[in-house]
Amino acid sequence: MGAQLVVAIAGLAIVLIGILGASAPRQLRQVIRSFSPTTRLGTGIVVRTGLGIALFVAAPTSRFPAVLAVLGAVSLLAAVSTAFLGPSRLDAWALWWMGRTDPVLRAWSLVAGAFGAFLVYAVSA
């Protein structure tokens, strides 16, 4: 699977998560709570690492090579940071986000959706 396809699929997944959060923030909270802290930690590390690598590989042939390269670096840095946080701190952070009001989660979900759409656009031909 090519890096562009990986970035496009990740972008689409981010758009879908953004739609869920914007339209049904309570359901988004339920989905997040359904995973154990250890699972959230492992998933966060794997997804951030995979996306970071895919962004780096896809960057040269994308519409925005410099932007995707920087986003790849940020994603890899986030993966390392997540690993150092550990499950208890990451869980506290996740619980803090889940405690935000519905309008706040809706707004940030729209930002996430826009970011996902940008990723899809950036790697489209």
Protein backbone atom coordinates (compact mmCIF):
# COMPACT_ATOMS: atom_id res chain seq x y z
CA MET A 1 0.00 0.00 0.00
CA GLY A 2 1.46 3.35 -1.03
CA ALA A 3 2.10 6.14 1.44
CA GLN A 4 -0.39 8.40 -0.34
CA LEU A 5 -3.10 5.79 0.16
CA VAL A 6 -2.21 5.40 3.85
CA VAL A 7 -2.40 9.17 4.35
CA ALA A 8 -5.70 9.35 2.43
CA ILE A 9 -7.22 6.54 4.51
CA ALA A 10 -6.00 8.17 7.72
CA GLY A 11 -7.42 11.49 6.56
CA LEU A 12 -10.78 9.87 5.79
CA ALA A 13 -10.80 8.20 9.22
CA ILE A 14 -10.08 11.59 10.83
CA VAL A 15 -12.94 13.14 8.84
CA LEU A 16 -15.30 10.40 10.03
CA ILE A 17 -14.20 10.81 13.66
CA GLY A 18 -14.68 14.56 13.26
CA ILE A 19 -18.20 14.01 11.92
CA LEU A 20 -19.00 11.72 14.85
CA GLY A 21 -17.68 14.24 17.37
CA ALA A 22 -19.47 17.17 15.73
CA SER A 23 -22.80 15.40 15.39
CA ALA A 24 -22.78 13.16 18.47
CA PRO A 25 -20.15 14.15 21.06
CA ARG A 26 -21.64 11.82 23.68
CA GLN A 27 -21.16 8.84 21.36
CA LEU A 28 -17.57 9.92 20.70
CA ARG A 29 -16.99 9.93 24.46
CA GLN A 30 -18.47 6.43 24.71
CA VAL A 31 -16.20 5.13 21.96
CA ILE A 32 -13.12 6.59 23.66
CA ARG A 33 -14.15 5.25 27.07
CA SER A 34 -14.71 1.78 25.59
CA PHE A 35 -10.93 1.35 25.24
CA SER A 36 -8.71 0.68 28.23
CA PRO A 37 -5.97 3.22 29.06
CA THR A 38 -3.31 0.76 27.89
CA THR A 39 -5.14 0.22 24.59
CA ARG A 40 -5.48 3.98 24.07
CA LEU A 41 -1.76 4.38 24.73
CA GLY A 42 -0.69 1.63 22.33
CA THR A 43 -3.10 2.74 19.64
CA GLY A 44 -1.95 6.35 19.98
CA ILE A 45 1.69 5.40 19.59
CA VAL A 46 1.13 3.06 16.63
CA VAL A 47 -1.19 5.46 14.77
CA ARG A 48 1.05 8.49 15.29
CA THR A 49 4.16 6.56 14.25
CA GLY A 50 2.50 5.07 11.17
CA LEU A 51 0.98 8.37 10.11
CA GLY A 52 4.27 10.20 10.68
CA ILE A 53 6.19 7.78 8.49
CA ALA A 54 3.48 7.82 5.81
CA LEU A 55 3.46 11.63 5.80
CA PHE A 56 7.24 11.73 5.35
CA VAL A 57 7.15 9.21 2.51
CA ALA A 58 4.15 10.85 0.80
CA ALA A 59 5.43 14.42 1.22
CA PRO A 60 7.65 14.72 -1.89
CA THR A 61 4.83 13.80 -4.28
CA SER A 62 2.06 15.66 -2.44
CA ARG A 63 0.53 19.05 -3.15
CA PHE A 64 2.23 20.47 -0.03
CA PRO A 65 5.58 18.68 0.44
CA ALA A 66 6.98 20.94 3.15
CA VAL A 67 3.75 20.96 5.14
CA LEU A 68 3.41 17.17 5.04
CA ALA A 69 7.06 16.73 6.04
CA VAL A 70 6.54 19.01 9.05
CA LEU A 71 3.32 17.21 9.96
CA GLY A 72 5.21 13.91 9.71
CA ALA A 73 7.83 15.21 12.15
CA VAL A 74 5.12 16.47 14.51
CA SER A 75 3.34 13.12 14.36
CA LEU A 76 6.54 11.20 15.16
CA LEU A 77 7.34 13.60 17.99
CA ALA A 78 3.80 13.09 19.31
CA ALA A 79 4.32 9.31 19.21
CA VAL A 80 7.50 9.59 21.27
CA SER A 81 5.84 12.02 23.68
CA THR A 82 2.86 9.70 24.05
CA ALA A 83 5.17 6.82 24.91
CA PHE A 84 6.81 8.87 27.64
CA LEU A 85 3.46 9.99 29.06
CA GLY A 86 2.45 6.48 29.99
CA PRO A 87 -1.08 5.15 30.30
CA SER A 88 -2.03 7.00 33.50
CA ARG A 89 -1.09 10.48 32.23
CA LEU A 90 -2.56 9.81 28.80
CA ASP A 91 -5.74 8.60 30.48
CA ALA A 92 -5.91 11.77 32.59
CA TRP A 93 -5.52 13.85 29.43
CA ALA A 94 -8.21 11.82 27.61
CA LEU A 95 -10.57 12.17 30.57
CA TRP A 96 -9.93 15.90 30.63
CA TRP A 97 -10.89 16.15 26.95
CA MET A 98 -13.97 13.99 27.48
CA GLY A 99 -14.99 16.36 30.28
CA ARG A 100 -15.23 19.34 27.93
CA THR A 101 -18.69 20.60 27.05
CA ASP A 102 -20.48 19.39 23.94
CA PRO A 103 -19.95 22.70 22.06
CA VAL A 104 -16.19 22.53 22.72
CA LEU A 105 -16.00 18.92 21.50
CA ARG A 106 -18.11 19.80 18.46
CA ALA A 107 -15.82 22.71 17.56
CA TRP A 108 -12.61 20.69 17.92
CA SER A 109 -14.20 17.82 16.01
CA LEU A 110 -14.87 20.20 13.13
CA VAL A 111 -11.21 21.26 13.25
CA ALA A 112 -10.21 17.57 13.18
CA GLY A 113 -12.52 16.93 10.24
CA ALA A 114 -11.04 19.84 8.33
CA PHE A 115 -7.54 18.53 9.06
CA GLY A 116 -8.51 15.09 7.77
CA ALA A 117 -9.97 16.63 4.61
CA PHE A 118 -6.74 18.58 4.14
CA LEU A 119 -4.72 15.34 4.35
CA VAL A 120 -6.92 13.69 1.71
CA TYR A 121 -6.64 16.74 -0.57
CA ALA A 122 -2.88 17.01 -0.04
CA VAL A 123 -2.23 13.51 -1.37
CA SER A 124 -4.90 13.44 -4.09
CA ALA A 125 -3.74 13.63 -7.69
